[in-house]
């Protein structure tokens, strides 16, 4: 959904089976002062991941965003 900004996002998977894959959503980037900001959301099933795993994901996103020349 990179065409709009958001402050929260939630997917409720209605079904009889567990949805164990992580869902990552990102929104439109924008300037805030001298920074470029982009909302990023990850939703995971607690049976396969927890806050520690999410923190690793966001740490990697921050590293890639801060040094894109190393990854592109």
PDB file of N, CA and C in Angstrom:
ATOM      1  N   UNK A   1       0.812  -1.182   0.000  1.00  0.00           N
ATOM      2  CA  UNK A   1       0.000   0.000   0.000  1.00  0.00           C
ATOM      3  C   UNK A   1       0.858   1.249   0.000  1.00  0.00           C
ATOM      4  N   UNK A   2       1.824   1.317  -0.883  1.00  0.00           N
ATOM      5  CA  UNK A   2       2.753   2.443  -0.858  1.00  0.00           C
ATOM      6  C   UNK A   2       2.162   3.754  -1.368  1.00  0.00           C
ATOM      7  N   UNK A   3       0.883   3.829  -1.638  1.00  0.00           N
ATOM      8  CA  UNK A   3       0.290   5.056  -2.146  1.00  0.00           C
ATOM      9  C   UNK A   3      -0.389   5.871  -1.050  1.00  0.00           C
ATOM     10  N   UNK A   4      -0.407   5.411   0.223  1.00  0.00           N
ATOM     11  CA  UNK A   4      -0.987   6.232   1.277  1.00  0.00           C
ATOM     12  C   UNK A   4      -0.267   6.033   2.599  1.00  0.00           C
ATOM     13  N   UNK A   5      -0.436   7.006   3.485  1.00  0.00           N
ATOM     14  CA  UNK A   5       0.130   6.946   4.826  1.00  0.00           C
ATOM     15  C   UNK A   5      -0.866   6.261   5.752  1.00  0.00           C
ATOM     16  N   UNK A   6      -0.382   5.645   6.802  1.00  0.00           N
ATOM     17  CA  UNK A   6      -1.264   5.069   7.802  1.00  0.00           C
ATOM     18  C   UNK A   6      -0.578   5.095   9.154  1.00  0.00           C
ATOM     19  N   UNK A   7      -1.365   4.957  10.199  1.00  0.00           N
ATOM     20  CA  UNK A   7      -0.807   4.918  11.549  1.00  0.00           C
ATOM     21  C   UNK A   7      -0.929   3.532  12.168  1.00  0.00           C
ATOM     22  N   UNK A   8      -1.793   2.694  11.627  1.00  0.00           N
ATOM     23  CA  UNK A   8      -1.868   1.306  12.083  1.00  0.00           C
ATOM     24  C   UNK A   8      -2.496   0.461  10.986  1.00  0.00           C
ATOM     25  N   UNK A   9      -2.247  -0.844  11.060  1.00  0.00           N
ATOM     26  CA  UNK A   9      -2.772  -1.752  10.050  1.00  0.00           C
ATOM     27  C   UNK A   9      -2.945  -3.112  10.702  1.00  0.00           C
ATOM     28  N   UNK A  10      -4.056  -3.772  10.436  1.00  0.00           N
ATOM     29  CA  UNK A  10      -4.319  -5.063  11.037  1.00  0.00           C
ATOM     30  C   UNK A  10      -5.042  -5.948  10.037  1.00  0.00           C
ATOM     31  N   UNK A  11      -4.576  -7.176   9.882  1.00  0.00           N
ATOM     32  CA  UNK A  11      -5.230  -8.158   9.027  1.00  0.00           C
ATOM     33  C   UNK A  11      -5.785  -9.244   9.931  1.00  0.00           C
ATOM     34  N   UNK A  12      -7.072  -9.471   9.849  1.00  0.00           N
ATOM     35  CA  UNK A  12      -7.691 -10.546  10.612  1.00  0.00           C
ATOM     36  C   UNK A  12      -7.987 -11.685   9.658  1.00  0.00           C
ATOM     37  N   UNK A  13      -7.206 -12.737   9.777  1.00  0.00           N
ATOM     38  CA  UNK A  13      -7.354 -13.886   8.900  1.00  0.00           C
ATOM     39  C   UNK A  13      -8.439 -14.791   9.471  1.00  0.00           C
ATOM     40  N   UNK A  14      -9.583 -14.809   8.837  1.00  0.00           N
ATOM     41  CA  UNK A  14     -10.680 -15.659   9.269  1.00  0.00           C
ATOM     42  C   UNK A  14     -10.590 -16.977   8.531  1.00  0.00           C
ATOM     43  N   UNK A  15     -10.434 -18.028   9.232  1.00  0.00           N
ATOM     44  CA  UNK A  15     -10.333 -19.337   8.599  1.00  0.00           C
ATOM     45  C   UNK A  15     -10.130 -20.415   9.634  1.00  0.00           C
ATOM     46  N   UNK A  16     -10.199 -21.640   9.203  1.00  0.00           N
ATOM     47  CA  UNK A  16     -10.075 -22.762  10.124  1.00  0.00           C
ATOM     48  C   UNK A  16      -8.624 -23.179  10.357  1.00  0.00           C
ATOM     49  N   UNK A  17      -7.699 -22.685   9.544  1.00  0.00           N
ATOM     50  CA  UNK A  17      -6.296 -23.050   9.722  1.00  0.00           C
ATOM     51  C   UNK A  17      -5.479 -21.838  10.140  1.00  0.00           C
ATOM     52  N   UNK A  18      -4.383 -22.100  10.812  1.00  0.00           N
ATOM     53  CA  UNK A  18      -3.487 -21.018  11.241  1.00  0.00           C
ATOM     54  C   UNK A  18      -2.758 -20.440  10.042  1.00  0.00           C
ATOM     55  N   UNK A  19      -2.600 -19.141  10.022  1.00  0.00           N
ATOM     56  CA  UNK A  19      -1.807 -18.470   8.995  1.00  0.00           C
ATOM     57  C   UNK A  19      -0.478 -18.134   9.641  1.00  0.00           C
ATOM     58  N   UNK A  20       0.563 -18.922   9.348  1.00  0.00           N
ATOM     59  CA  UNK A  20       1.829 -18.814  10.054  1.00  0.00           C
ATOM     60  C   UNK A  20       2.872 -17.952   9.364  1.00  0.00           C
ATOM     61  N   UNK A  21       2.574 -17.464   8.173  1.00  0.00           N
ATOM     62  CA  UNK A  21       3.530 -16.614   7.469  1.00  0.00           C
ATOM     63  C   UNK A  21       3.440 -15.178   7.981  1.00  0.00           C
ATOM     64  N   UNK A  22       4.574 -14.474   8.088  1.00  0.00           N
ATOM     65  CA  UNK A  22       4.513 -13.065   8.489  1.00  0.00           C
ATOM     66  C   UNK A  22       3.905 -12.218   7.371  1.00  0.00           C
ATOM     67  N   UNK A  23       3.178 -11.199   7.757  1.00  0.00           N
ATOM     68  CA  UNK A  23       2.601 -10.262   6.794  1.00  0.00           C
ATOM     69  C   UNK A  23       3.261  -8.905   7.013  1.00  0.00           C
ATOM     70  N   UNK A  24       3.909  -8.389   5.970  1.00  0.00           N
ATOM     71  CA  UNK A  24       4.593  -7.102   6.046  1.00  0.00           C
ATOM     72  C   UNK A  24       3.850  -6.127   5.146  1.00  0.00           C
ATOM     73  N   UNK A  25       3.543  -4.957   5.691  1.00  0.00           N
ATOM     74  CA  UNK A  25       2.854  -3.908   4.950  1.00  0.00           C
ATOM     75  C   UNK A  25       3.670  -2.634   5.074  1.00  0.00           C
ATOM     76  N   UNK A  26       3.801  -1.887   3.982  1.00  0.00           N
ATOM     77  CA  UNK A  26       4.473  -0.601   4.058  1.00  0.00           C
ATOM     78  C   UNK A  26       3.619   0.432   3.350  1.00  0.00           C
ATOM     79  N   UNK A  27       3.762   1.671   3.780  1.00  0.00           N
ATOM     80  CA  UNK A  27       2.979   2.759   3.217  1.00  0.00           C
ATOM     81  C   UNK A  27       3.849   3.746   2.471  1.00  0.00           C
ATOM     82  N   UNK A  28       3.250   4.842   2.123  1.00  0.00           N
ATOM     83  CA  UNK A  28       3.905   5.895   1.351  1.00  0.00           C
ATOM     84  C   UNK A  28       4.985   6.578   2.195  1.00  0.00           C
ATOM     85  N   UNK A  29       6.147   6.769   1.605  1.00  0.00           N
ATOM     86  CA  UNK A  29       7.187   7.496   2.331  1.00  0.00           C
ATOM     87  C   UNK A  29       6.942   8.993   2.197  1.00  0.00           C
ATOM     88  N   UNK A  30       7.396   9.746   3.194  1.00  0.00           N
ATOM     89  CA  UNK A  30       7.201  11.193   3.202  1.00  0.00           C
ATOM     90  C   UNK A  30       8.337  11.840   3.976  1.00  0.00           C
ATOM     91  N   UNK A  31       8.509  13.135   3.766  1.00  0.00           N
ATOM     92  CA  UNK A  31       9.533  13.894   4.480  1.00  0.00           C
ATOM     93  C   UNK A  31       8.963  14.410   5.780  1.00  0.00           C
ATOM     94  N   UNK A  32       9.745  14.258   6.835  1.00  0.00           N
ATOM     95  CA  UNK A  32       9.388  14.791   8.149  1.00  0.00           C
ATOM     96  C   UNK A  32      10.625  15.493   8.682  1.00  0.00           C
ATOM     97  N   UNK A  33      10.638  16.813   8.550  1.00  0.00           N
ATOM     98  CA  UNK A  33      11.844  17.569   8.881  1.00  0.00           C
ATOM     99  C   UNK A  33      12.916  17.261   7.861  1.00  0.00           C
ATOM    100  N   UNK A  34      14.079  16.803   8.318  1.00  0.00           N
ATOM    101  CA  UNK A  34      15.151  16.442   7.384  1.00  0.00           C
ATOM    102  C   UNK A  34      15.261  14.923   7.202  1.00  0.00           C
ATOM    103  N   UNK A  35      14.242  14.187   7.628  1.00  0.00           N
ATOM    104  CA  UNK A  35      14.229  12.726   7.499  1.00  0.00           C
ATOM    105  C   UNK A  35      13.207  12.282   6.462  1.00  0.00           C
ATOM    106  N   UNK A  36      13.447  11.141   5.868  1.00  0.00           N
ATOM    107  CA  UNK A  36      12.443  10.479   5.046  1.00  0.00           C
ATOM    108  C   UNK A  36      11.889   9.333   5.889  1.00  0.00           C
ATOM    109  N   UNK A  37      10.563   9.305   6.044  1.00  0.00           N
ATOM    110  CA  UNK A  37       9.896   8.357   6.927  1.00  0.00           C
ATOM    111  C   UNK A  37       8.953   7.486   6.098  1.00  0.00           C
ATOM    112  N   UNK A  38       8.863   6.204   6.457  1.00  0.00           N
ATOM    113  CA  UNK A  38       7.941   5.302   5.782  1.00  0.00           C
ATOM    114  C   UNK A  38       7.340   4.358   6.820  1.00  0.00           C
ATOM    115  N   UNK A  39       6.010   4.287   6.912  1.00  0.00           N
ATOM    116  CA  UNK A  39       5.412   3.349   7.863  1.00  0.00           C
ATOM    117  C   UNK A  39       5.605   1.903   7.404  1.00  0.00           C
ATOM    118  N   UNK A  40       6.006   1.047   8.330  1.00  0.00           N
ATOM    119  CA  UNK A  40       6.189  -0.378   8.057  1.00  0.00           C
ATOM    120  C   UNK A  40       5.531  -1.148   9.197  1.00  0.00           C
ATOM    121  N   UNK A  41       4.736  -2.148   8.845  1.00  0.00           N
ATOM    122  CA  UNK A  41       4.039  -2.966   9.825  1.00  0.00           C
ATOM    123  C   UNK A  41       4.340  -4.428   9.552  1.00  0.00           C
ATOM    124  N   UNK A  42       4.570  -5.192  10.605  1.00  0.00           N
ATOM    125  CA  UNK A  42       4.700  -6.640  10.468  1.00  0.00           C
ATOM    126  C   UNK A  42       3.697  -7.283  11.414  1.00  0.00           C
ATOM    127  N   UNK A  43       2.992  -8.274  10.905  1.00  0.00           N
ATOM    128  CA  UNK A  43       2.058  -9.022  11.729  1.00  0.00           C
ATOM    129  C   UNK A  43       2.457 -10.487  11.662  1.00  0.00           C
ATOM    130  N   UNK A  44       2.665 -11.096  12.837  1.00  0.00           N
ATOM    131  CA  UNK A  44       3.109 -12.486  12.897  1.00  0.00           C
ATOM    132  C   UNK A  44       2.214 -13.271  13.848  1.00  0.00           C
ATOM    133  N   UNK A  45       2.144 -14.558  13.613  1.00  0.00           N
ATOM    134  CA  UNK A  45       1.441 -15.448  14.526  1.00  0.00           C
ATOM    135  C   UNK A  45       2.399 -15.756  15.673  1.00  0.00           C
ATOM    136  N   UNK A  46       1.932 -15.627  16.887  1.00  0.00           N
ATOM    137  CA  UNK A  46       2.813 -15.775  18.044  1.00  0.00           C
ATOM    138  C   UNK A  46       3.341 -17.201  18.197  1.00  0.00           C
ATOM    139  N   UNK A  47       2.757 -18.153  17.504  1.00  0.00           N
ATOM    140  CA  UNK A  47       3.264 -19.524  17.564  1.00  0.00           C
ATOM    141  C   UNK A  47       4.604 -19.673  16.845  1.00  0.00           C
ATOM    142  N   UNK A  48       4.909 -18.755  15.932  1.00  0.00           N
ATOM    143  CA  UNK A  48       6.146 -18.880  15.154  1.00  0.00           C
ATOM    144  C   UNK A  48       7.123 -17.729  15.357  1.00  0.00           C
ATOM    145  N   UNK A  49       6.699 -16.656  15.992  1.00  0.00           N
ATOM    146  CA  UNK A  49       7.594 -15.513  16.196  1.00  0.00           C
ATOM    147  C   UNK A  49       7.093 -14.689  17.378  1.00  0.00           C
ATOM    148  N   UNK A  50       7.995 -13.894  17.927  1.00  0.00           N
ATOM    149  CA  UNK A  50       7.604 -12.988  19.006  1.00  0.00           C
ATOM    150  C   UNK A  50       8.310 -11.651  18.829  1.00  0.00           C
ATOM    151  N   UNK A  51       8.295 -10.836  19.859  1.00  0.00           N
ATOM    152  CA  UNK A  51       8.881  -9.499  19.771  1.00  0.00           C
ATOM    153  C   UNK A  51      10.347  -9.501  19.399  1.00  0.00           C
ATOM    154  N   UNK A  52      11.076 -10.504  19.856  1.00  0.00           N
ATOM    155  CA  UNK A  52      12.498 -10.586  19.522  1.00  0.00           C
ATOM    156  C   UNK A  52      12.690 -10.716  18.011  1.00  0.00           C
ATOM    157  N   UNK A  53      11.937 -11.598  17.387  1.00  0.00           N
ATOM    158  CA  UNK A  53      12.046 -11.803  15.946  1.00  0.00           C
ATOM    159  C   UNK A  53      11.625 -10.551  15.180  1.00  0.00           C
ATOM    160  N   UNK A  54      10.584  -9.880  15.662  1.00  0.00           N
ATOM    161  CA  UNK A  54      10.156  -8.632  15.016  1.00  0.00           C
ATOM    162  C   UNK A  54      11.231  -7.567  15.146  1.00  0.00           C
ATOM    163  N   UNK A  55      11.907  -7.516  16.307  1.00  0.00           N
ATOM    164  CA  UNK A  55      12.974  -6.520  16.477  1.00  0.00           C
ATOM    165  C   UNK A  55      14.127  -6.792  15.521  1.00  0.00           C
ATOM    166  N   UNK A  56      14.435  -8.062  15.253  1.00  0.00           N
ATOM    167  CA  UNK A  56      15.475  -8.390  14.275  1.00  0.00           C
ATOM    168  C   UNK A  56      15.072  -7.921  12.881  1.00  0.00           C
ATOM    169  N   UNK A  57      13.798  -8.128  12.536  1.00  0.00           N
ATOM    170  CA  UNK A  57      13.293  -7.683  11.238  1.00  0.00           C
ATOM    171  C   UNK A  57      13.438  -6.169  11.099  1.00  0.00           C
ATOM    172  N   UNK A  58      12.973  -5.413  12.109  1.00  0.00           N
ATOM    173  CA  UNK A  58      13.044  -3.955  12.018  1.00  0.00           C
ATOM    174  C   UNK A  58      14.481  -3.450  12.058  1.00  0.00           C
ATOM    175  N   UNK A  59      15.355  -4.150  12.740  1.00  0.00           N
ATOM    176  CA  UNK A  59      16.771  -3.787  12.728  1.00  0.00           C
ATOM    177  C   UNK A  59      17.354  -3.948  11.329  1.00  0.00           C
ATOM    178  N   UNK A  60      16.994  -5.032  10.657  1.00  0.00           N
ATOM    179  CA  UNK A  60      17.463  -5.244   9.280  1.00  0.00           C
ATOM    180  C   UNK A  60      16.885  -4.189   8.330  1.00  0.00           C
ATOM    181  N   UNK A  61      15.609  -3.865   8.493  1.00  0.00           N
ATOM    182  CA  UNK A  61      14.990  -2.827   7.651  1.00  0.00           C
ATOM    183  C   UNK A  61      15.714  -1.499   7.853  1.00  0.00           C
ATOM    184  N   UNK A  62      16.015  -1.159   9.094  1.00  0.00           N
ATOM    185  CA  UNK A  62      16.721   0.092   9.382  1.00  0.00           C
ATOM    186  C   UNK A  62      18.108   0.095   8.754  1.00  0.00           C
ATOM    187  N   UNK A  63      18.833  -1.020   8.869  1.00  0.00           N
ATOM    188  CA  UNK A  63      20.182  -1.121   8.290  1.00  0.00           C
ATOM    189  C   UNK A  63      20.134  -0.953   6.772  1.00  0.00           C
ATOM    190  N   UNK A  64      19.217  -1.643   6.125  1.00  0.00           N
ATOM    191  CA  UNK A  64      19.104  -1.543   4.665  1.00  0.00           C
ATOM    192  C   UNK A  64      18.697  -0.135   4.256  1.00  0.00           C
ATOM    193  N   UNK A  65      17.767   0.472   4.989  1.00  0.00           N
ATOM    194  CA  UNK A  65      17.301   1.828   4.662  1.00  0.00           C
ATOM    195  C   UNK A  65      18.399   2.862   4.868  1.00  0.00           C
ATOM    196  N   UNK A  66      19.236   2.640   5.863  1.00  0.00           N
ATOM    197  CA  UNK A  66      20.316   3.594   6.148  1.00  0.00           C
ATOM    198  C   UNK A  66      21.498   3.462   5.201  1.00  0.00           C
ATOM    199  N   UNK A  67      21.660   2.287   4.590  1.00  0.00           N
ATOM    200  CA  UNK A  67      22.797   2.032   3.703  1.00  0.00           C
ATOM    201  C   UNK A  67      22.344   1.351   2.418  1.00  0.00           C
ATOM    202  N   UNK A  68      21.489   1.974   1.632  1.00  0.00           N
ATOM    203  CA  UNK A  68      20.949   1.285   0.462  1.00  0.00           C
ATOM    204  C   UNK A  68      22.015   0.926  -0.573  1.00  0.00           C
ATOM    205  N   UNK A  69      23.097   1.686  -0.633  1.00  0.00           N
ATOM    206  CA  UNK A  69      24.136   1.408  -1.627  1.00  0.00           C
ATOM    207  C   UNK A  69      24.790   0.039  -1.407  1.00  0.00           C
ATOM    208  N   UNK A  70      24.720  -0.483  -0.187  1.00  0.00           N
ATOM    209  CA  UNK A  70      25.292  -1.795   0.105  1.00  0.00           C
ATOM    210  C   UNK A  70      24.380  -2.931  -0.360  1.00  0.00           C
ATOM    211  N   UNK A  71      23.114  -2.635  -0.605  1.00  0.00           N
ATOM    212  CA  UNK A  71      22.133  -3.677  -0.894  1.00  0.00           C
ATOM    213  C   UNK A  71      21.534  -3.592  -2.292  1.00  0.00           C
ATOM    214  N   UNK A  72      21.743  -2.479  -2.965  1.00  0.00           N
ATOM    215  CA  UNK A  72      21.178  -2.326  -4.306  1.00  0.00           C
ATOM    216  C   UNK A  72      22.227  -2.517  -5.380  1.00  0.00           C
TER     217      UNK A  72
END
